[in-house]
C-alpha atoms as a PDB file:
ATOM      1  CA  MET A   1      -7.728  16.404  -7.046  1.00  0.00           C
ATOM      2  CA  ARG A   2      -9.574  17.895 -10.054  1.00  0.00           C
ATOM      3  CA  GLY A   3      -7.896  21.213  -9.167  1.00  0.00           C
ATOM      4  CA  ALA A   4      -4.491  19.523  -9.201  1.00  0.00           C
ATOM      5  CA  ALA A   5      -5.197  18.018 -12.551  1.00  0.00           C
ATOM      6  CA  ASP A   6      -6.284  21.361 -13.976  1.00  0.00           C
ATOM      7  CA  CYS A   7      -3.134  23.023 -12.592  1.00  0.00           C
ATOM      8  CA  VAL A   8      -0.922  20.393 -14.286  1.00  0.00           C
ATOM      9  CA  ARG A   9      -2.669  20.928 -17.598  1.00  0.00           C
ATOM     10  CA  ASP A  10      -2.405  24.691 -17.436  1.00  0.00           C
ATOM     11  CA  ARG A  11       1.257  24.689 -16.529  1.00  0.00           C
ATOM     12  CA  LEU A  12       2.705  21.624 -18.265  1.00  0.00           C
ATOM     13  CA  GLY A  13      -0.018  20.359 -20.709  1.00  0.00           C
ATOM     14  CA  PRO A  14      -1.923  17.172 -20.284  1.00  0.00           C
ATOM     15  CA  ALA A  15      -0.224  14.456 -18.263  1.00  0.00           C
ATOM     16  CA  SER A  16       1.084  11.421 -20.097  1.00  0.00           C
ATOM     17  CA  VAL A  17       2.062   9.490 -16.925  1.00  0.00           C
ATOM     18  CA  VAL A  18       0.092   9.353 -13.717  1.00  0.00           C
ATOM     19  CA  VAL A  19       1.125   7.377 -10.613  1.00  0.00           C
ATOM     20  CA  ALA A  20      -1.340   6.641  -7.817  1.00  0.00           C
ATOM     21  CA  ASN A  21       0.967   6.280  -4.848  1.00  0.00           C
ATOM     22  CA  ALA A  22      -0.681   7.949  -1.803  1.00  0.00           C
ATOM     23  CA  GLY A  23      -0.926   5.557   1.089  1.00  0.00           C
ATOM     24  CA  ILE A  24      -1.273   5.400   4.861  1.00  0.00           C
ATOM     25  CA  ALA A  25      -1.486   2.425   7.288  1.00  0.00           C
ATOM     26  CA  ALA A  26      -2.751   1.754  10.743  1.00  0.00           C
ATOM     27  CA  ALA A  27      -1.740  -1.174  12.905  1.00  0.00           C
ATOM     28  CA  GLY A  28      -3.892  -2.748  15.489  1.00  0.00           C
ATOM     29  CA  SER A  29      -6.770  -5.179  15.828  1.00  0.00           C
ATOM     30  CA  PHE A  30      -9.970  -4.382  13.916  1.00  0.00           C
ATOM     31  CA  ALA A  31     -11.899  -4.382  17.198  1.00  0.00           C
ATOM     32  CA  HIS A  32      -9.635  -1.677  18.606  1.00  0.00           C
ATOM     33  CA  THR A  33      -9.308   0.452  15.503  1.00  0.00           C
ATOM     34  CA  ASP A  34     -11.366   3.600  15.573  1.00  0.00           C
ATOM     35  CA  ALA A  35     -13.963   3.409  12.773  1.00  0.00           C
ATOM     36  CA  ALA A  36     -12.910   6.819  11.444  1.00  0.00           C
ATOM     37  CA  LEU A  37      -9.247   5.743  11.208  1.00  0.00           C
ATOM     38  CA  TRP A  38     -10.195   2.446   9.467  1.00  0.00           C
ATOM     39  CA  ASN A  39     -12.273   4.475   6.979  1.00  0.00           C
ATOM     40  CA  ARG A  40      -9.526   7.034   6.506  1.00  0.00           C
ATOM     41  CA  VAL A  41      -7.041   4.320   5.398  1.00  0.00           C
ATOM     42  CA  ILE A  42      -9.551   3.132   2.814  1.00  0.00           C
ATOM     43  CA  ALA A  43     -10.296   6.670   1.753  1.00  0.00           C
ATOM     44  CA  VAL A  44      -6.632   7.539   1.139  1.00  0.00           C
ATOM     45  CA  ASN A  45      -5.418   4.303  -0.375  1.00  0.00           C
ATOM     46  CA  LEU A  46      -8.329   3.024  -2.359  1.00  0.00           C
ATOM     47  CA  THR A  47     -10.766   5.904  -2.885  1.00  0.00           C
ATOM     48  CA  GLY A  48      -7.846   8.280  -3.337  1.00  0.00           C
ATOM     49  CA  SER A  49      -6.460   6.078  -6.167  1.00  0.00           C
ATOM     50  CA  ALA A  50      -9.842   6.181  -7.854  1.00  0.00           C
ATOM     51  CA  ALA A  51     -10.061  10.003  -7.381  1.00  0.00           C
ATOM     52  CA  THR A  52      -6.569  10.308  -8.951  1.00  0.00           C
ATOM     53  CA  ALA A  53      -7.570   8.220 -11.964  1.00  0.00           C
ATOM     54  CA  ARG A  54     -10.873  10.137 -12.380  1.00  0.00           C
ATOM     55  CA  ALA A  55      -9.236  13.501 -12.194  1.00  0.00           C
ATOM     56  CA  PHE A  56      -6.436  12.688 -14.706  1.00  0.00           C
ATOM     57  CA  LEU A  57      -8.312  10.373 -17.041  1.00  0.00           C
ATOM     58  CA  PRO A  58      -9.095  13.133 -19.478  1.00  0.00           C
ATOM     59  CA  HIS A  59      -5.370  13.851 -19.756  1.00  0.00           C
ATOM     60  CA  LEU A  60      -4.518  10.225 -20.334  1.00  0.00           C
ATOM     61  CA  LEU A  61      -7.176   9.887 -23.041  1.00  0.00           C
ATOM     62  CA  THR A  62      -5.686  12.842 -24.807  1.00  0.00           C
ATOM     63  CA  THR A  63      -2.073  11.619 -24.568  1.00  0.00           C
ATOM     64  CA  ARG A  64      -2.806   7.896 -24.744  1.00  0.00           C
ATOM     65  CA  GLY A  65      -0.820   7.788 -21.553  1.00  0.00           C
ATOM     66  CA  HIS A  66       0.014   5.342 -18.789  1.00  0.00           C
ATOM     67  CA  PHE A  67      -1.504   5.025 -15.346  1.00  0.00           C
ATOM     68  CA  LEU A  68       0.538   3.255 -12.707  1.00  0.00           C
ATOM     69  CA  GLN A  69      -1.291   2.010  -9.601  1.00  0.00           C
ATOM     70  CA  VAL A  70       0.962   1.287  -6.573  1.00  0.00           C
ATOM     71  CA  ALA A  71      -0.255  -1.881  -4.834  1.00  0.00           C
ATOM     72  CA  SER A  72       1.573  -4.135  -2.394  1.00  0.00           C
ATOM     73  CA  THR A  73       2.390  -7.733  -1.408  1.00  0.00           C
ATOM     74  CA  ALA A  74      -0.165  -7.025   1.330  1.00  0.00           C
ATOM     75  CA  SER A  75      -2.709  -8.083  -1.318  1.00  0.00           C
ATOM     76  CA  PHE A  76      -1.048 -11.511  -1.469  1.00  0.00           C
ATOM     77  CA  GLY A  77      -1.927 -12.527   2.082  1.00  0.00           C
ATOM     78  CA  SER A  78      -3.771 -10.275   4.456  1.00  0.00           C
ATOM     79  CA  ALA A  79      -1.873  -9.807   7.777  1.00  0.00           C
ATOM     80  CA  PRO A  80      -3.907  -9.484  10.989  1.00  0.00           C
ATOM     81  CA  MET A  81      -3.606  -6.179  12.768  1.00  0.00           C
ATOM     82  CA  MET A  82      -3.568  -4.310   9.407  1.00  0.00           C
ATOM     83  CA  SER A  83      -7.043  -5.057   8.061  1.00  0.00           C
ATOM     84  CA  ALA A  84      -7.704  -1.670   6.513  1.00  0.00           C
ATOM     85  CA  TYR A  85      -4.355  -1.475   4.749  1.00  0.00           C
ATOM     86  CA  CYS A  86      -4.551  -5.011   3.353  1.00  0.00           C
ATOM     87  CA  ALA A  87      -8.158  -4.469   2.230  1.00  0.00           C
ATOM     88  CA  SER A  88      -7.226  -1.270   0.522  1.00  0.00           C
ATOM     89  CA  LYS A  89      -4.276  -2.777  -1.299  1.00  0.00           C
ATOM     90  CA  ALA A  90      -6.300  -5.733  -2.447  1.00  0.00           C
ATOM     91  CA  GLY A  91      -8.877  -3.199  -3.610  1.00  0.00           C
ATOM     92  CA  VAL A  92      -6.481  -1.053  -5.627  1.00  0.00           C
ATOM     93  CA  GLU A  93      -5.109  -4.161  -7.385  1.00  0.00           C
ATOM     94  CA  PHE A  94      -8.595  -5.132  -8.628  1.00  0.00           C
ATOM     95  CA  PHE A  95      -9.502  -1.509  -9.306  1.00  0.00           C
ATOM     96  CA  ALA A  96      -6.426  -1.240 -11.636  1.00  0.00           C
ATOM     97  CA  GLN A  97      -7.265  -4.545 -13.316  1.00  0.00           C
ATOM     98  CA  ALA A  98     -10.793  -3.367 -14.074  1.00  0.00           C
ATOM     99  CA  LEU A  99      -9.551   0.015 -15.279  1.00  0.00           C
ATOM    100  CA  ARG A 100      -6.935  -1.627 -17.513  1.00  0.00           C
ATOM    101  CA  ASN A 101      -9.707  -3.635 -19.349  1.00  0.00           C
ATOM    102  CA  GLU A 102     -11.999  -0.635 -19.694  1.00  0.00           C
ATOM    103  CA  LEU A 103      -9.295   1.592 -21.140  1.00  0.00           C
ATOM    104  CA  ALA A 104      -7.656  -1.011 -23.472  1.00  0.00           C
ATOM    105  CA  PRO A 105      -9.619   0.173 -26.523  1.00  0.00           C
ATOM    106  CA  THR A 106      -8.492   3.789 -25.967  1.00  0.00           C
ATOM    107  CA  GLY A 107      -4.750   3.179 -26.008  1.00  0.00           C
ATOM    108  CA  VAL A 108      -4.326   4.113 -22.375  1.00  0.00           C
ATOM    109  CA  THR A 109      -2.335   1.470 -20.508  1.00  0.00           C
ATOM    110  CA  VAL A 110      -2.513   0.660 -16.815  1.00  0.00           C
ATOM    111  CA  GLY A 111       0.224  -0.918 -14.754  1.00  0.00           C
ATOM    112  CA  ILE A 112       0.147  -2.374 -11.262  1.00  0.00           C
ATOM    113  CA  ALA A 113       3.274  -2.091  -8.985  1.00  0.00           C
ATOM    114  CA  TYR A 114       3.667  -4.744  -6.292  1.00  0.00           C
ATOM    115  CA  LEU A 115       5.943  -3.301  -3.590  1.00  0.00           C
ATOM    116  CA  HIS A 116       7.423  -5.247  -0.725  1.00  0.00           C
ATOM    117  CA  TRP A 117       9.622  -3.683   2.073  1.00  0.00           C
ATOM    118  CA  THR A 118      10.423  -0.205   0.945  1.00  0.00           C
ATOM    119  CA  GLY A 119      12.463   2.153   3.216  1.00  0.00           C
ATOM    120  CA  THR A 120       9.864   4.826   3.806  1.00  0.00           C
ATOM    121  CA  GLY A 121       8.581   6.262   7.017  1.00  0.00           C
ATOM    122  CA  MET A 122       5.600   3.956   6.929  1.00  0.00           C
ATOM    123  CA  ILE A 123       7.596   0.942   8.024  1.00  0.00           C
ATOM    124  CA  GLU A 124       9.475   2.600  10.917  1.00  0.00           C
ATOM    125  CA  ASP A 125       6.966   1.348  13.495  1.00  0.00           C
ATOM    126  CA  LEU A 126       6.217  -2.085  12.155  1.00  0.00           C
ATOM    127  CA  ASP A 127       8.431  -4.031  14.521  1.00  0.00           C
ATOM    128  CA  GLU A 128       6.544  -2.553  17.524  1.00  0.00           C
ATOM    129  CA  HIS A 129       3.704  -4.929  16.745  1.00  0.00           C
ATOM    130  CA  PRO A 130       4.399  -8.527  17.736  1.00  0.00           C
ATOM    131  CA  VAL A 131       2.309 -10.147  14.962  1.00  0.00           C
ATOM    132  CA  LEU A 132       3.863  -7.972  12.238  1.00  0.00           C
ATOM    133  CA  ARG A 133       7.360  -8.598  13.738  1.00  0.00           C
ATOM    134  CA  ALA A 134       6.687 -12.372  13.688  1.00  0.00           C
ATOM    135  CA  LEU A 135       5.550 -12.328  10.044  1.00  0.00           C
ATOM    136  CA  ARG A 136       8.661 -10.520   9.059  1.00  0.00           C
ATOM    137  CA  ALA A 137      10.950 -12.711  11.157  1.00  0.00           C
ATOM    138  CA  HIS A 138       9.589 -15.901   9.414  1.00  0.00           C
ATOM    139  CA  GLN A 139      10.537 -14.544   5.956  1.00  0.00           C
ATOM    140  CA  PRO A 140      13.891 -15.626   4.452  1.00  0.00           C
ATOM    141  CA  ALA A 141      16.639 -13.043   4.927  1.00  0.00           C
ATOM    142  CA  PHE A 142      16.451 -11.918   1.296  1.00  0.00           C
ATOM    143  CA  ALA A 143      12.684 -11.491   1.536  1.00  0.00           C
ATOM    144  CA  GLY A 144      12.955  -9.283   4.666  1.00  0.00           C
ATOM    145  CA  ARG A 145      15.398  -6.847   3.090  1.00  0.00           C
ATOM    146  CA  VAL A 146      14.246  -3.264   3.048  1.00  0.00           C
ATOM    147  CA  HIS A 147      14.833  -1.590  -0.315  1.00  0.00           C
ATOM    148  CA  PRO A 148      15.827   2.076  -0.565  1.00  0.00           C
ATOM    149  CA  PRO A 149      13.190   4.323  -2.138  1.00  0.00           C
ATOM    150  CA  GLY A 150      15.545   5.348  -4.935  1.00  0.00           C
ATOM    151  CA  GLN A 151      15.953   1.829  -6.073  1.00  0.00           C
ATOM    152  CA  VAL A 152      12.211   1.153  -5.965  1.00  0.00           C
ATOM    153  CA  ALA A 153      11.625   4.361  -7.917  1.00  0.00           C
ATOM    154  CA  ALA A 154      14.109   3.205 -10.583  1.00  0.00           C
ATOM    155  CA  TRP A 155      12.201  -0.102 -10.969  1.00  0.00           C
ATOM    156  CA  LEU A 156       8.934   1.813 -11.337  1.00  0.00           C
ATOM    157  CA  THR A 157      10.405   4.272 -13.842  1.00  0.00           C
ATOM    158  CA  ARG A 158      11.643   1.511 -16.084  1.00  0.00           C
ATOM    159  CA  SER A 159       8.252  -0.156 -16.012  1.00  0.00           C
ATOM    160  CA  ILE A 160       6.557   3.097 -16.991  1.00  0.00           C
ATOM    161  CA  ALA A 161       8.976   3.475 -19.931  1.00  0.00           C
ATOM    162  CA  ARG A 162       7.934   0.004 -21.140  1.00  0.00           C
ATOM    163  CA  ARG A 163       4.254   0.497 -20.341  1.00  0.00           C
ATOM    164  CA  ALA A 164       4.594  -2.723 -18.379  1.00  0.00           C
ATOM    165  CA  PRO A 165       1.331  -4.233 -17.093  1.00  0.00           C
ATOM    166  CA  THR A 166       3.021  -5.289 -13.806  1.00  0.00           C
ATOM    167  CA  VAL A 167       6.167  -4.347 -11.983  1.00  0.00           C
ATOM    168  CA  TYR A 168       7.585  -6.091  -8.951  1.00  0.00           C
ATOM    169  CA  ALA A 169       9.783  -4.317  -6.405  1.00  0.00           C
ATOM    170  CA  PRO A 170      11.975  -6.302  -5.847  1.00  0.00           C
ATOM    171  CA  PRO A 171      11.904  -8.076  -9.220  1.00  0.00           C
ATOM    172  CA  TRP A 172      12.029 -11.594  -7.706  1.00  0.00           C
ATOM    173  CA  LEU A 173       8.441 -11.153  -6.448  1.00  0.00           C
ATOM    174  CA  ARG A 174       7.241 -12.084  -9.959  1.00  0.00           C
ATOM    175  CA  PHE A 175       8.060 -15.684  -9.149  1.00  0.00           C
ATOM    176  CA  LEU A 176       5.578 -15.668  -6.249  1.00  0.00           C
ATOM    177  CA  GLN A 177       2.603 -14.846  -8.374  1.00  0.00           C
ATOM    178  CA  PRO A 178       1.847 -18.610  -9.197  1.00  0.00           C
ATOM    179  CA  LEU A 179       2.080 -19.256  -5.410  1.00  0.00           C
ATOM    180  CA  ARG A 180      -0.456 -16.699  -4.363  1.00  0.00           C
ATOM    181  CA  PRO A 181      -3.210 -19.248  -3.468  1.00  0.00           C
ATOM    182  CA  VAL A 182      -0.754 -20.537  -0.754  1.00  0.00           C
ATOM    183  CA  PHE A 183      -0.064 -17.178   0.885  1.00  0.00           C
ATOM    184  CA  PRO A 184      -3.183 -16.755   3.004  1.00  0.00           C
ATOM    185  CA  TYR A 185      -2.545 -20.142   4.626  1.00  0.00           C
ATOM    186  CA  ALA A 186       1.013 -19.351   5.309  1.00  0.00           C
ATOM    187  CA  VAL A 187       0.176 -15.921   6.764  1.00  0.00           C
ATOM    188  CA  SER A 188      -2.547 -17.500   8.923  1.00  0.00           C
ATOM    189  CA  TYR A 189      -0.247 -20.179  10.272  1.00  0.00           C
ATOM    190  CA  VAL A 190       2.447 -17.708  11.336  1.00  0.00           C
ATOM    191  CA  SER A 191       0.136 -14.971  12.606  1.00  0.00           C
ATOM    192  CA  ARG A 192      -2.118 -17.294  14.730  1.00  0.00           C
ATOM    193  CA  ARG A 193       0.907 -18.679  16.493  1.00  0.00           C
ATOM    194  CA  ALA A 194       2.077 -15.113  17.187  1.00  0.00           C
ATOM    195  CA  LEU A 195      -1.338 -13.997  18.311  1.00  0.00           C
ATOM    196  CA  ALA A 196      -1.514 -16.867  20.753  1.00  0.00           C
ATOM    197  CA  ARG A 197       1.600 -15.576  22.511  1.00  0.00           C
ATOM    198  CA  LEU A 198       0.289 -12.092  23.002  1.00  0.00           C
ATOM    199  CA  SER A 199      -0.993 -10.718  26.251  1.00  0.00           C
ATOM    200  CA  PRO A 200      -4.570  -9.411  26.584  1.00  0.00           C
ATOM    201  CA  ALA A 201      -3.077  -5.948  26.882  1.00  0.00           C
ATOM    202  CA  ASP A 202      -1.204  -6.270  23.567  1.00  0.00           C
ATOM    203  CA  LEU A 203      -4.381  -7.454  21.769  1.00  0.00           C
ATOM    204  CA  ALA A 204      -6.464  -4.653  23.314  1.00  0.00           C
ATOM    205  CA  ARG A 205      -3.972  -1.893  22.462  1.00  0.00           C
ATOM    206  CA  GLU A 206      -5.571   0.923  20.536  1.00  0.00           C
ATOM    207  CA  ALA A 207      -4.633   1.038  16.860  1.00  0.00           C
ATOM    208  CA  GLY A 208      -2.387   3.800  15.678  1.00  0.00           C
ATOM    209  CA  VAL A 209      -1.113   5.237  12.477  1.00  0.00           C
ATOM    210  CA  LEU A 210       2.230   3.987  11.036  1.00  0.00           C
ATOM    211  CA  GLY A 211       4.887   6.475   9.968  1.00  0.00           C
ATOM    212  CA  PRO A 212       5.224  10.292  10.016  1.00  0.00           C
ATOM    213  CA  GLY A 213       3.316  10.726   6.831  1.00  0.00           C
ATOM    214  CA  GLY A 214       0.263   8.817   8.064  1.00  0.00           C
ATOM    215  CA  ARG A 215       0.439  10.574  11.467  1.00  0.00           C
ATOM    216  CA  ALA A 216       0.621  13.986   9.739  1.00  0.00           C
ATOM    217  CA  ASP A 217      -2.490  13.101   7.656  1.00  0.00           C
ATOM    218  CA  TRP A 218      -4.421  11.689  10.552  1.00  0.00           C
ATOM    219  CA  GLY A 219      -3.339  14.339  13.018  1.00  0.00           C
ATOM    220  CA  ALA A 220      -4.274  17.177  10.762  1.00  0.00           C
ATOM    221  CA  GLU A 221      -7.560  17.488  12.613  1.00  0.00           C
ATOM    222  CA  ASP A 222      -6.365  16.106  15.945  1.00  0.00           C
ATOM    223  CA  ARG A 223      -8.440  12.978  15.368  1.00  0.00           C
ATOM    224  CA  SER A 224      -6.128  10.406  16.938  1.00  0.00           C
ATOM    225  CA  PRO A 225      -2.908   9.934  18.884  1.00  0.00           C
ATOM    226  CA  ALA A 226       0.174   8.580  17.205  1.00  0.00           C
ATOM    227  CA  LEU A 227       0.919   4.882  17.323  1.00  0.00           C
ATOM    228  CA  PRO A 228       1.833   3.848  20.896  1.00  0.00           C
ATOM    229  CA  VAL A 229       5.346   2.553  21.041  1.00  0.00           C
ATOM    230  CA  THR A 230       6.301  -0.439  23.191  1.00  0.00           C
ATOM    231  CA  PRO A 231       9.262   0.394  25.503  1.00  0.00           C
ATOM    232  CA  PRO A 232      12.377  -1.635  24.792  1.00  0.00           C
ATOM    233  CA  HIS A 233      12.948  -4.631  26.944  1.00  0.00           C
ATOM    234  CA  THR A 234      15.549  -4.263  29.634  1.00  0.00           C
END
């Protein structure tokens, strides 16, 4: 990452805006998630965000720029079968809050983006998992809407231009912040009912990586098979 930062400086000058957006996810129970895969999700999502900030911080101090950390509504209420992803997104939220306070005297600003359902490859396989499918099914129709990446990018761009401390994609998520203490209980209620209906085979299924981007990262060293897909019911 330091090399990438040096390359940017050499070709374009010091960066004034940095977005930490790298992320992968794995779906499956903690007990049946390979430890290396669990650690990889944390490494990409949380440690990778810190590495990005560390590499580009000298740029931002020079330009008094803006750092945008992409978080997720997964930090509102942690869904079972995605423990590494939810832990990483809770981690990046608090990392960004700490960084914001540390950098406030320098003029560097830090924003946090809370993304909901965004139409990237990561969510292509979500409905293959019964618990995740149940959580989504219990959301109101407007909350389950998948937003195109271009629209989400436009929301993030506007927030960067304003140096906004937070941005919600979609914008209505801002009204849920006061309700965050309730989310863990709601997620627990729905997910436990869904878990109770699963077969032992479903619960014991080996965790896999979600989306082509995550599979490309994880498969780079042939470390794990892709996410097993449940055949359609006939």
